[in-house]
All heavy atoms as atom14 arrays in JSON, in Angstrom:
{
  "sequence": "DRKIESLLETFGAICIEGPKWCGKTWTGMHHSKSSVMLGDPAGN",
  "atom14_mask": [
    [1, 1, 1, 1, 1, 1, 1, 1, 0, 0, 0, 0, 0, 0],
    [1, 1, 1, 1, 1, 1, 1, 1, 1, 1, 1, 0, 0, 0],
    [1, 1, 1, 1, 1, 1, 1, 1, 1, 0, 0, 0, 0, 0],
    [1, 1, 1, 1, 1, 1, 1, 1, 0, 0, 0, 0, 0, 0],
    [1, 1, 1, 1, 1, 1, 1, 1, 1, 0, 0, 0, 0, 0],
    [1, 1, 1, 1, 1, 1, 0, 0, 0, 0, 0, 0, 0, 0],
    [1, 1, 1, 1, 1, 1, 1, 1, 0, 0, 0, 0, 0, 0],
    [1, 1, 1, 1, 1, 1, 1, 1, 0, 0, 0, 0, 0, 0],
    [1, 1, 1, 1, 1, 1, 1, 1, 1, 0, 0, 0, 0, 0],
    [1, 1, 1, 1, 1, 1, 1, 0, 0, 0, 0, 0, 0, 0],
    [1, 1, 1, 1, 1, 1, 1, 1, 1, 1, 1, 0, 0, 0],
    [1, 1, 1, 1, 0, 0, 0, 0, 0, 0, 0, 0, 0, 0],
    [1, 1, 1, 1, 1, 0, 0, 0, 0, 0, 0, 0, 0, 0],
    [1, 1, 1, 1, 1, 1, 1, 1, 0, 0, 0, 0, 0, 0],
    [1, 1, 1, 1, 1, 1, 0, 0, 0, 0, 0, 0, 0, 0],
    [1, 1, 1, 1, 1, 1, 1, 1, 0, 0, 0, 0, 0, 0],
    [1, 1, 1, 1, 1, 1, 1, 1, 1, 0, 0, 0, 0, 0],
    [1, 1, 1, 1, 0, 0, 0, 0, 0, 0, 0, 0, 0, 0],
    [1, 1, 1, 1, 1, 1, 1, 0, 0, 0, 0, 0, 0, 0],
    [1, 1, 1, 1, 1, 1, 1, 1, 1, 0, 0, 0, 0, 0],
    [1, 1, 1, 1, 1, 1, 1, 1, 1, 1, 1, 1, 1, 1],
    [1, 1, 1, 1, 1, 1, 0, 0, 0, 0, 0, 0, 0, 0],
    [1, 1, 1, 1, 0, 0, 0, 0, 0, 0, 0, 0, 0, 0],
    [1, 1, 1, 1, 1, 1, 1, 1, 1, 0, 0, 0, 0, 0],
    [1, 1, 1, 1, 1, 1, 1, 0, 0, 0, 0, 0, 0, 0],
    [1, 1, 1, 1, 1, 1, 1, 1, 1, 1, 1, 1, 1, 1],
    [1, 1, 1, 1, 1, 1, 1, 0, 0, 0, 0, 0, 0, 0],
    [1, 1, 1, 1, 0, 0, 0, 0, 0, 0, 0, 0, 0, 0],
    [1, 1, 1, 1, 1, 1, 1, 1, 0, 0, 0, 0, 0, 0],
    [1, 1, 1, 1, 1, 1, 1, 1, 1, 1, 0, 0, 0, 0],
    [1, 1, 1, 1, 1, 1, 1, 1, 1, 1, 0, 0, 0, 0],
    [1, 1, 1, 1, 1, 1, 0, 0, 0, 0, 0, 0, 0, 0],
    [1, 1, 1, 1, 1, 1, 1, 1, 1, 0, 0, 0, 0, 0],
    [1, 1, 1, 1, 1, 1, 0, 0, 0, 0, 0, 0, 0, 0],
    [1, 1, 1, 1, 1, 1, 0, 0, 0, 0, 0, 0, 0, 0],
    [1, 1, 1, 1, 1, 1, 1, 0, 0, 0, 0, 0, 0, 0],
    [1, 1, 1, 1, 1, 1, 1, 1, 0, 0, 0, 0, 0, 0],
    [1, 1, 1, 1, 1, 1, 1, 1, 0, 0, 0, 0, 0, 0],
    [1, 1, 1, 1, 0, 0, 0, 0, 0, 0, 0, 0, 0, 0],
    [1, 1, 1, 1, 1, 1, 1, 1, 0, 0, 0, 0, 0, 0],
    [1, 1, 1, 1, 1, 1, 1, 0, 0, 0, 0, 0, 0, 0],
    [1, 1, 1, 1, 1, 0, 0, 0, 0, 0, 0, 0, 0, 0],
    [1, 1, 1, 1, 0, 0, 0, 0, 0, 0, 0, 0, 0, 0],
    [1, 1, 1, 1, 1, 1, 1, 1, 0, 0, 0, 0, 0, 0]
  ],
  "atom14_positions": [
    [[-9.54, -23.53, -57.45], [-8.15, -23.27, -57.82], [-7.86, -21.81, -58.14], [-6.87, -21.25, -57.66], [-7.72, -24.15, -58.99], [-7.54, -25.6, -58.59], [-7.3, -25.87, -57.4], [-7.65, -26.47, -59.48], [0.0, 0.0, 0.0], [0.0, 0.0, 0.0], [0.0, 0.0, 0.0], [0.0, 0.0, 0.0], [0.0, 0.0, 0.0], [0.0, 0.0, 0.0]],
    [[-8.69, -21.17, -58.94], [-8.43, -19.76, -59.29], [-8.52, -18.85, -58.07], [-7.75, -17.91, -57.95], [-9.41, -19.29, -60.37], [-8.96, -19.75, -61.75], [-9.78, -19.12, -62.83], [-10.63, -20.19, -63.36], [-11.73, -20.03, -64.04], [-12.17, -18.82, -64.29], [-12.41, -21.05, -64.48], [0.0, 0.0, 0.0], [0.0, 0.0, 0.0], [0.0, 0.0, 0.0]],
    [[-9.44, -19.15, -57.18], [-9.57, -18.35, -55.96], [-8.32, -18.5, -55.09], [-7.8, -17.52, -54.56], [-10.82, -18.79, -55.19], [-11.07, -18.05, -53.91], [-11.54, -16.66, -54.18], [-12.0, -16.0, -52.89], [-12.47, -14.65, -53.1], [0.0, 0.0, 0.0], [0.0, 0.0, 0.0], [0.0, 0.0, 0.0], [0.0, 0.0, 0.0], [0.0, 0.0, 0.0]],
    [[-7.82, -19.72, -54.96], [-6.61, -19.95, -54.17], [-5.43, -19.21, -54.79], [-4.65, -18.56, -54.08], [-6.32, -21.46, -54.05], [-7.36, -22.11, -53.15], [-4.91, -21.72, -53.53], [-7.28, -23.62, -53.09], [0.0, 0.0, 0.0], [0.0, 0.0, 0.0], [0.0, 0.0, 0.0], [0.0, 0.0, 0.0], [0.0, 0.0, 0.0], [0.0, 0.0, 0.0]],
    [[-5.28, -19.28, -56.09], [-4.18, -18.57, -56.76], [-4.26, -17.07, -56.5], [-3.25, -16.42, -56.21], [-4.21, -18.86, -58.26], [-3.81, -20.28, -58.58], [-4.17, -20.7, -60.0], [-4.61, -19.85, -60.8], [-4.0, -21.91, -60.3], [0.0, 0.0, 0.0], [0.0, 0.0, 0.0], [0.0, 0.0, 0.0], [0.0, 0.0, 0.0], [0.0, 0.0, 0.0]],
    [[-5.46, -16.52, -56.56], [-5.66, -15.09, -56.3], [-5.31, -14.74, -54.85], [-4.63, -13.75, -54.57], [-7.11, -14.7, -56.59], [-7.36, -13.38, -56.22], [0.0, 0.0, 0.0], [0.0, 0.0, 0.0], [0.0, 0.0, 0.0], [0.0, 0.0, 0.0], [0.0, 0.0, 0.0], [0.0, 0.0, 0.0], [0.0, 0.0, 0.0], [0.0, 0.0, 0.0]],
    [[-5.76, -15.57, -53.92], [-5.48, -15.32, -52.5], [-3.99, -15.41, -52.19], [-3.45, -14.63, -51.41], [-6.26, -16.3, -51.62], [-7.77, -16.09, -51.57], [-8.45, -17.27, -50.89], [-8.12, -14.78, -50.88], [0.0, 0.0, 0.0], [0.0, 0.0, 0.0], [0.0, 0.0, 0.0], [0.0, 0.0, 0.0], [0.0, 0.0, 0.0], [0.0, 0.0, 0.0]],
    [[-3.29, -16.37, -52.81], [-1.86, -16.52, -52.57], [-1.05, -15.35, -53.13], [0.06, -15.08, -52.66], [-1.36, -17.85, -53.15], [-1.75, -19.09, -52.37], [-1.34, -20.35, -53.12], [-1.15, -19.08, -50.97], [0.0, 0.0, 0.0], [0.0, 0.0, 0.0], [0.0, 0.0, 0.0], [0.0, 0.0, 0.0], [0.0, 0.0, 0.0], [0.0, 0.0, 0.0]],
    [[-1.58, -14.66, -54.12], [-0.91, -13.46, -54.63], [-1.04, -12.3, -53.66], [-0.22, -11.39, -53.65], [-1.5, -13.06, -55.98], [-1.14, -13.99, -57.1], [-1.83, -13.61, -58.41], [-2.5, -12.56, -58.47], [-1.69, -14.38, -59.38], [0.0, 0.0, 0.0], [0.0, 0.0, 0.0], [0.0, 0.0, 0.0], [0.0, 0.0, 0.0], [0.0, 0.0, 0.0]],
    [[-2.06, -12.34, -52.81], [-2.36, -11.23, -51.9], [-1.88, -11.48, -50.48], [-1.37, -10.57, -49.83], [-3.89, -10.98, -51.88], [-4.34, -10.79, -53.21], [-4.23, -9.77, -51.05], [0.0, 0.0, 0.0], [0.0, 0.0, 0.0], [0.0, 0.0, 0.0], [0.0, 0.0, 0.0], [0.0, 0.0, 0.0], [0.0, 0.0, 0.0], [0.0, 0.0, 0.0]],
    [[-2.07, -12.7, -49.99], [-1.79, -13.01, -48.58], [-0.62, -13.95, -48.43], [-0.32, -14.74, -49.32], [-3.03, -13.63, -47.93], [-4.23, -12.74, -47.95], [-5.25, -12.94, -48.88], [-4.34, -11.68, -47.07], [-6.35, -12.12, -48.91], [-5.44, -10.84, -47.1], [-6.45, -11.06, -48.03], [0.0, 0.0, 0.0], [0.0, 0.0, 0.0], [0.0, 0.0, 0.0]],
    [[0.01, -13.92, -47.28], [1.13, -14.8, -46.99], [0.71, -16.21, -46.62], [1.51, -17.13, -46.67], [0.0, 0.0, 0.0], [0.0, 0.0, 0.0], [0.0, 0.0, 0.0], [0.0, 0.0, 0.0], [0.0, 0.0, 0.0], [0.0, 0.0, 0.0], [0.0, 0.0, 0.0], [0.0, 0.0, 0.0], [0.0, 0.0, 0.0], [0.0, 0.0, 0.0]],
    [[-0.56, -16.38, -46.26], [-1.06, -17.71, -45.89], [-2.55, -17.77, -46.11], [-3.25, -16.75, -46.01], [-0.75, -17.99, -44.42], [0.0, 0.0, 0.0], [0.0, 0.0, 0.0], [0.0, 0.0, 0.0], [0.0, 0.0, 0.0], [0.0, 0.0, 0.0], [0.0, 0.0, 0.0], [0.0, 0.0, 0.0], [0.0, 0.0, 0.0], [0.0, 0.0, 0.0]],
    [[-3.03, -18.95, -46.42], [-4.48, -19.18, -46.51], [-4.78, -20.48, -45.79], [-3.91, -21.31, -45.58], [-4.99, -19.23, -47.96], [-4.38, -20.41, -48.73], [-4.73, -17.92, -48.68], [-5.03, -20.65, -50.08], [0.0, 0.0, 0.0], [0.0, 0.0, 0.0], [0.0, 0.0, 0.0], [0.0, 0.0, 0.0], [0.0, 0.0, 0.0], [0.0, 0.0, 0.0]],
    [[-6.03, -20.64, -45.4], [-6.47, -21.86, -44.73], [-7.52, -22.53, -45.61], [-8.51, -21.91, -45.99], [-7.07, -21.5, -43.36], [-7.67, -22.94, -42.45], [0.0, 0.0, 0.0], [0.0, 0.0, 0.0], [0.0, 0.0, 0.0], [0.0, 0.0, 0.0], [0.0, 0.0, 0.0], [0.0, 0.0, 0.0], [0.0, 0.0, 0.0], [0.0, 0.0, 0.0]],
    [[-7.29, -23.79, -45.94], [-8.26, -24.56, -46.72], [-8.97, -25.48, -45.75], [-8.35, -26.36, -45.14], [-7.56, -25.37, -47.83], [-6.8, -24.45, -48.77], [-8.57, -26.22, -48.59], [-5.93, -25.17, -49.8], [0.0, 0.0, 0.0], [0.0, 0.0, 0.0], [0.0, 0.0, 0.0], [0.0, 0.0, 0.0], [0.0, 0.0, 0.0], [0.0, 0.0, 0.0]],
    [[-10.28, -25.29, -45.59], [-11.06, -26.08, -44.66], [-12.14, -26.85, -45.4], [-12.61, -26.41, -46.45], [-11.73, -25.18, -43.61], [-10.74, -24.46, -42.72], [-11.44, -23.58, -41.7], [-12.54, -23.04, -42.01], [-10.91, -23.43, -40.61], [0.0, 0.0, 0.0], [0.0, 0.0, 0.0], [0.0, 0.0, 0.0], [0.0, 0.0, 0.0], [0.0, 0.0, 0.0]],
    [[-12.53, -27.98, -44.84], [-13.6, -28.77, -45.44], [-13.69, -30.12, -44.75], [-12.86, -30.45, -43.9], [0.0, 0.0, 0.0], [0.0, 0.0, 0.0], [0.0, 0.0, 0.0], [0.0, 0.0, 0.0], [0.0, 0.0, 0.0], [0.0, 0.0, 0.0], [0.0, 0.0, 0.0], [0.0, 0.0, 0.0], [0.0, 0.0, 0.0], [0.0, 0.0, 0.0]],
    [[-14.68, -30.92, -45.14], [-14.85, -32.23, -44.53], [-13.72, -33.19, -44.91], [-13.0, -32.97, -45.89], [-16.19, -32.72, -45.08], [-16.38, -31.96, -46.34], [-15.69, -30.64, -46.16], [0.0, 0.0, 0.0], [0.0, 0.0, 0.0], [0.0, 0.0, 0.0], [0.0, 0.0, 0.0], [0.0, 0.0, 0.0], [0.0, 0.0, 0.0], [0.0, 0.0, 0.0]],
    [[-13.6, -34.23, -44.16], [-12.59, -35.25, -44.41], [-12.79, -35.85, -45.81], [-13.91, -36.05, -46.25], [-12.72, -36.35, -43.35], [-11.56, -37.28, -43.28], [-11.7, -38.18, -42.06], [-10.45, -39.0, -41.87], [-10.5, -39.78, -40.66], [0.0, 0.0, 0.0], [0.0, 0.0, 0.0], [0.0, 0.0, 0.0], [0.0, 0.0, 0.0], [0.0, 0.0, 0.0]],
    [[-11.7, -36.11, -46.49], [-11.66, -36.76, -47.8], [-12.28, -35.93, -48.93], [-12.76, -36.48, -49.92], [-12.32, -38.14, -47.76], [-11.65, -39.09, -46.82], [-12.11, -39.48, -45.6], [-10.39, -39.72, -47.0], [-11.21, -40.33, -45.01], [-10.14, -40.5, -45.86], [-9.44, -39.71, -48.02], [-9.0, -41.25, -45.7], [-8.29, -40.47, -47.85], [-8.09, -41.23, -46.7]],
    [[-12.25, -34.59, -48.83], [-12.82, -33.77, -49.9], [-11.76, -33.24, -50.85], [-12.08, -32.57, -51.82], [-13.66, -32.63, -49.32], [-12.7, -31.32, -48.55], [0.0, 0.0, 0.0], [0.0, 0.0, 0.0], [0.0, 0.0, 0.0], [0.0, 0.0, 0.0], [0.0, 0.0, 0.0], [0.0, 0.0, 0.0], [0.0, 0.0, 0.0], [0.0, 0.0, 0.0]],
    [[-10.47, -33.5, -50.58], [-9.41, -33.08, -51.49], [-8.59, -31.9, -51.0], [-7.85, -31.29, -51.78], [0.0, 0.0, 0.0], [0.0, 0.0, 0.0], [0.0, 0.0, 0.0], [0.0, 0.0, 0.0], [0.0, 0.0, 0.0], [0.0, 0.0, 0.0], [0.0, 0.0, 0.0], [0.0, 0.0, 0.0], [0.0, 0.0, 0.0], [0.0, 0.0, 0.0]],
    [[-8.68, -31.55, -49.73], [-7.94, -30.4, -49.2], [-6.43, -30.58, -49.36], [-5.74, -29.66, -49.8], [-8.27, -30.18, -47.72], [-9.71, -29.88, -47.43], [-9.97, -29.71, -45.96], [-9.63, -30.91, -45.13], [-10.46, -32.1, -45.29], [0.0, 0.0, 0.0], [0.0, 0.0, 0.0], [0.0, 0.0, 0.0], [0.0, 0.0, 0.0], [0.0, 0.0, 0.0]],
    [[-5.91, -31.75, -49.01], [-4.47, -31.98, -49.11], [-4.02, -31.96, -50.56], [-3.0, -31.35, -50.89], [-4.09, -33.31, -48.44], [-4.43, -33.23, -47.05], [-2.61, -33.6, -48.58], [0.0, 0.0, 0.0], [0.0, 0.0, 0.0], [0.0, 0.0, 0.0], [0.0, 0.0, 0.0], [0.0, 0.0, 0.0], [0.0, 0.0, 0.0], [0.0, 0.0, 0.0]],
    [[-4.75, -32.62, -51.44], [-4.39, -32.62, -52.86], [-4.37, -31.2, -53.42], [-3.46, -30.82, -54.16], [-5.39, -33.46, -53.67], [-5.03, -34.91, -53.69], [-5.4, -35.85, -52.77], [-4.26, -35.59, -54.67], [-4.89, -37.07, -53.12], [-4.19, -36.93, -54.29], [-3.61, -35.19, -55.83], [-3.5, -37.89, -55.03], [-2.93, -36.14, -56.57], [-2.88, -37.47, -56.16]],
    [[-5.38, -30.41, -53.06], [-5.44, -29.03, -53.53], [-4.28, -28.23, -52.97], [-3.63, -27.47, -53.7], [-6.79, -28.39, -53.12], [-7.85, -29.16, -53.7], [-6.89, -26.95, -53.58], [0.0, 0.0, 0.0], [0.0, 0.0, 0.0], [0.0, 0.0, 0.0], [0.0, 0.0, 0.0], [0.0, 0.0, 0.0], [0.0, 0.0, 0.0], [0.0, 0.0, 0.0]],
    [[-3.99, -28.39, -51.7], [-2.86, -27.69, -51.09], [-1.54, -28.08, -51.73], [-0.69, -27.23, -51.99], [0.0, 0.0, 0.0], [0.0, 0.0, 0.0], [0.0, 0.0, 0.0], [0.0, 0.0, 0.0], [0.0, 0.0, 0.0], [0.0, 0.0, 0.0], [0.0, 0.0, 0.0], [0.0, 0.0, 0.0], [0.0, 0.0, 0.0], [0.0, 0.0, 0.0]],
    [[-1.35, -29.37, -52.0], [-0.12, -29.84, -52.64], [0.02, -29.24, -54.04], [1.12, -28.88, -54.45], [-0.1, -31.37, -52.73], [0.04, -32.08, -51.4], [1.66, -31.89, -50.67], [2.63, -32.94, -51.72], [0.0, 0.0, 0.0], [0.0, 0.0, 0.0], [0.0, 0.0, 0.0], [0.0, 0.0, 0.0], [0.0, 0.0, 0.0], [0.0, 0.0, 0.0]],
    [[-1.09, -29.13, -54.75], [-1.06, -28.58, -56.11], [-0.56, -27.14, -56.12], [0.15, -26.73, -57.03], [-2.47, -28.66, -56.72], [-2.55, -28.06, -58.08], [-1.99, -28.65, -59.18], [-3.11, -26.91, -58.51], [-2.21, -27.89, -60.24], [-2.89, -26.83, -59.85], [0.0, 0.0, 0.0], [0.0, 0.0, 0.0], [0.0, 0.0, 0.0], [0.0, 0.0, 0.0]],
    [[-0.91, -26.38, -55.1], [-0.58, -24.95, -55.07], [0.69, -24.65, -54.27], [1.09, -23.49, -54.17], [-1.75, -24.16, -54.48], [-2.96, -24.18, -55.37], [-3.08, -23.37, -56.47], [-4.07, -24.93, -55.33], [-4.23, -23.62, -57.07], [-4.85, -24.56, -56.4], [0.0, 0.0, 0.0], [0.0, 0.0, 0.0], [0.0, 0.0, 0.0], [0.0, 0.0, 0.0]],
    [[1.34, -25.66, -53.71], [2.52, -25.42, -52.88], [3.81, -25.82, -53.59], [3.8, -26.6, -54.53], [2.4, -26.19, -51.57], [2.43, -27.57, -51.81], [0.0, 0.0, 0.0], [0.0, 0.0, 0.0], [0.0, 0.0, 0.0], [0.0, 0.0, 0.0], [0.0, 0.0, 0.0], [0.0, 0.0, 0.0], [0.0, 0.0, 0.0], [0.0, 0.0, 0.0]],
    [[4.91, -25.26, -53.09], [6.23, -25.62, -53.6], [6.99, -26.48, -52.6], [8.02, -27.06, -52.91], [7.04, -24.36, -53.93], [6.46, -23.6, -55.1], [7.3, -22.41, -55.44], [6.69, -21.64, -56.6], [7.41, -20.4, -56.87], [0.0, 0.0, 0.0], [0.0, 0.0, 0.0], [0.0, 0.0, 0.0], [0.0, 0.0, 0.0], [0.0, 0.0, 0.0]],
    [[6.5, -26.53, -51.36], [7.08, -27.39, -50.33], [5.99, -27.74, -49.33], [4.93, -27.1, -49.32], [8.25, -26.69, -49.62], [7.8, -25.6, -48.87], [0.0, 0.0, 0.0], [0.0, 0.0, 0.0], [0.0, 0.0, 0.0], [0.0, 0.0, 0.0], [0.0, 0.0, 0.0], [0.0, 0.0, 0.0], [0.0, 0.0, 0.0], [0.0, 0.0, 0.0]],
    [[6.24, -28.75, -48.52], [5.2, -29.16, -47.57], [5.79, -29.83, -46.34], [6.92, -30.33, -46.38], [4.21, -30.11, -48.24], [4.85, -31.3, -48.62], [0.0, 0.0, 0.0], [0.0, 0.0, 0.0], [0.0, 0.0, 0.0], [0.0, 0.0, 0.0], [0.0, 0.0, 0.0], [0.0, 0.0, 0.0], [0.0, 0.0, 0.0], [0.0, 0.0, 0.0]],
    [[5.01, -29.85, -45.29], [5.3, -30.62, -44.09], [3.97, -31.24, -43.65], [2.94, -30.57, -43.64], [5.95, -29.77, -42.97], [5.04, -28.66, -42.5], [6.35, -30.64, -41.8], [0.0, 0.0, 0.0], [0.0, 0.0, 0.0], [0.0, 0.0, 0.0], [0.0, 0.0, 0.0], [0.0, 0.0, 0.0], [0.0, 0.0, 0.0], [0.0, 0.0, 0.0]],
    [[4.01, -32.53, -43.36], [2.8, -33.25, -42.96], [2.86, -33.53, -41.47], [3.59, -34.41, -41.01], [2.68, -34.57, -43.74], [2.69, -34.39, -45.23], [1.29, -33.38, -45.75], [1.43, -33.48, -47.5], [0.0, 0.0, 0.0], [0.0, 0.0, 0.0], [0.0, 0.0, 0.0], [0.0, 0.0, 0.0], [0.0, 0.0, 0.0], [0.0, 0.0, 0.0]],
    [[2.09, -32.79, -40.69], [2.11, -32.95, -39.24], [1.42, -34.22, -38.78], [1.71, -34.73, -37.71], [1.46, -31.73, -38.57], [2.14, -30.39, -38.83], [1.41, -29.28, -38.09], [3.6, -30.42, -38.43], [0.0, 0.0, 0.0], [0.0, 0.0, 0.0], [0.0, 0.0, 0.0], [0.0, 0.0, 0.0], [0.0, 0.0, 0.0], [0.0, 0.0, 0.0]],
    [[0.53, -34.76, -39.6], [-0.18, -35.98, -39.24], [0.49, -37.25, -39.72], [-0.06, -38.33, -39.58], [0.0, 0.0, 0.0], [0.0, 0.0, 0.0], [0.0, 0.0, 0.0], [0.0, 0.0, 0.0], [0.0, 0.0, 0.0], [0.0, 0.0, 0.0], [0.0, 0.0, 0.0], [0.0, 0.0, 0.0], [0.0, 0.0, 0.0], [0.0, 0.0, 0.0]],
    [[1.71, -37.15, -40.26], [2.44, -38.31, -40.76], [2.92, -39.15, -39.58], [3.66, -38.65, -38.72], [3.63, -37.85, -41.6], [4.4, -38.98, -42.24], [4.05, -40.16, -42.0], [5.35, -38.69, -42.99], [0.0, 0.0, 0.0], [0.0, 0.0, 0.0], [0.0, 0.0, 0.0], [0.0, 0.0, 0.0], [0.0, 0.0, 0.0], [0.0, 0.0, 0.0]],
    [[2.53, -40.43, -39.5], [2.92, -41.25, -38.36], [4.39, -41.68, -38.37], [4.86, -42.27, -37.4], [2.01, -42.47, -38.46], [1.62, -42.55, -39.89], [1.62, -41.13, -40.41], [0.0, 0.0, 0.0], [0.0, 0.0, 0.0], [0.0, 0.0, 0.0], [0.0, 0.0, 0.0], [0.0, 0.0, 0.0], [0.0, 0.0, 0.0], [0.0, 0.0, 0.0]],
    [[5.14, -41.34, -39.42], [6.56, -41.73, -39.49], [7.33, -41.18, -38.3], [7.15, -40.04, -37.88], [7.17, -41.22, -40.79], [0.0, 0.0, 0.0], [0.0, 0.0, 0.0], [0.0, 0.0, 0.0], [0.0, 0.0, 0.0], [0.0, 0.0, 0.0], [0.0, 0.0, 0.0], [0.0, 0.0, 0.0], [0.0, 0.0, 0.0], [0.0, 0.0, 0.0]],
    [[8.19, -42.0, -37.77], [9.03, -41.56, -36.65], [8.24, -41.14, -35.44], [8.59, -40.2, -34.74], [0.0, 0.0, 0.0], [0.0, 0.0, 0.0], [0.0, 0.0, 0.0], [0.0, 0.0, 0.0], [0.0, 0.0, 0.0], [0.0, 0.0, 0.0], [0.0, 0.0, 0.0], [0.0, 0.0, 0.0], [0.0, 0.0, 0.0], [0.0, 0.0, 0.0]],
    [[7.12, -41.86, -35.19], [6.28, -41.56, -34.03], [5.79, -40.11, -34.07], [5.85, -39.39, -33.08], [7.01, -41.87, -32.72], [6.07, -41.96, -31.55], [4.89, -42.25, -31.72], [6.57, -41.71, -30.35], [0.0, 0.0, 0.0], [0.0, 0.0, 0.0], [0.0, 0.0, 0.0], [0.0, 0.0, 0.0], [0.0, 0.0, 0.0], [0.0, 0.0, 0.0]]
  ]
}
């Protein structure tokens, strides 16, 4: 978390990578003010 906060103060974007089910989305949601889910099956 502290590393992400530091990076977001410096850069316009960061990439969070890791294995499936490790908490990437939860971590991203925690640090974001808005979101879009490209993998959401809603509306095909």
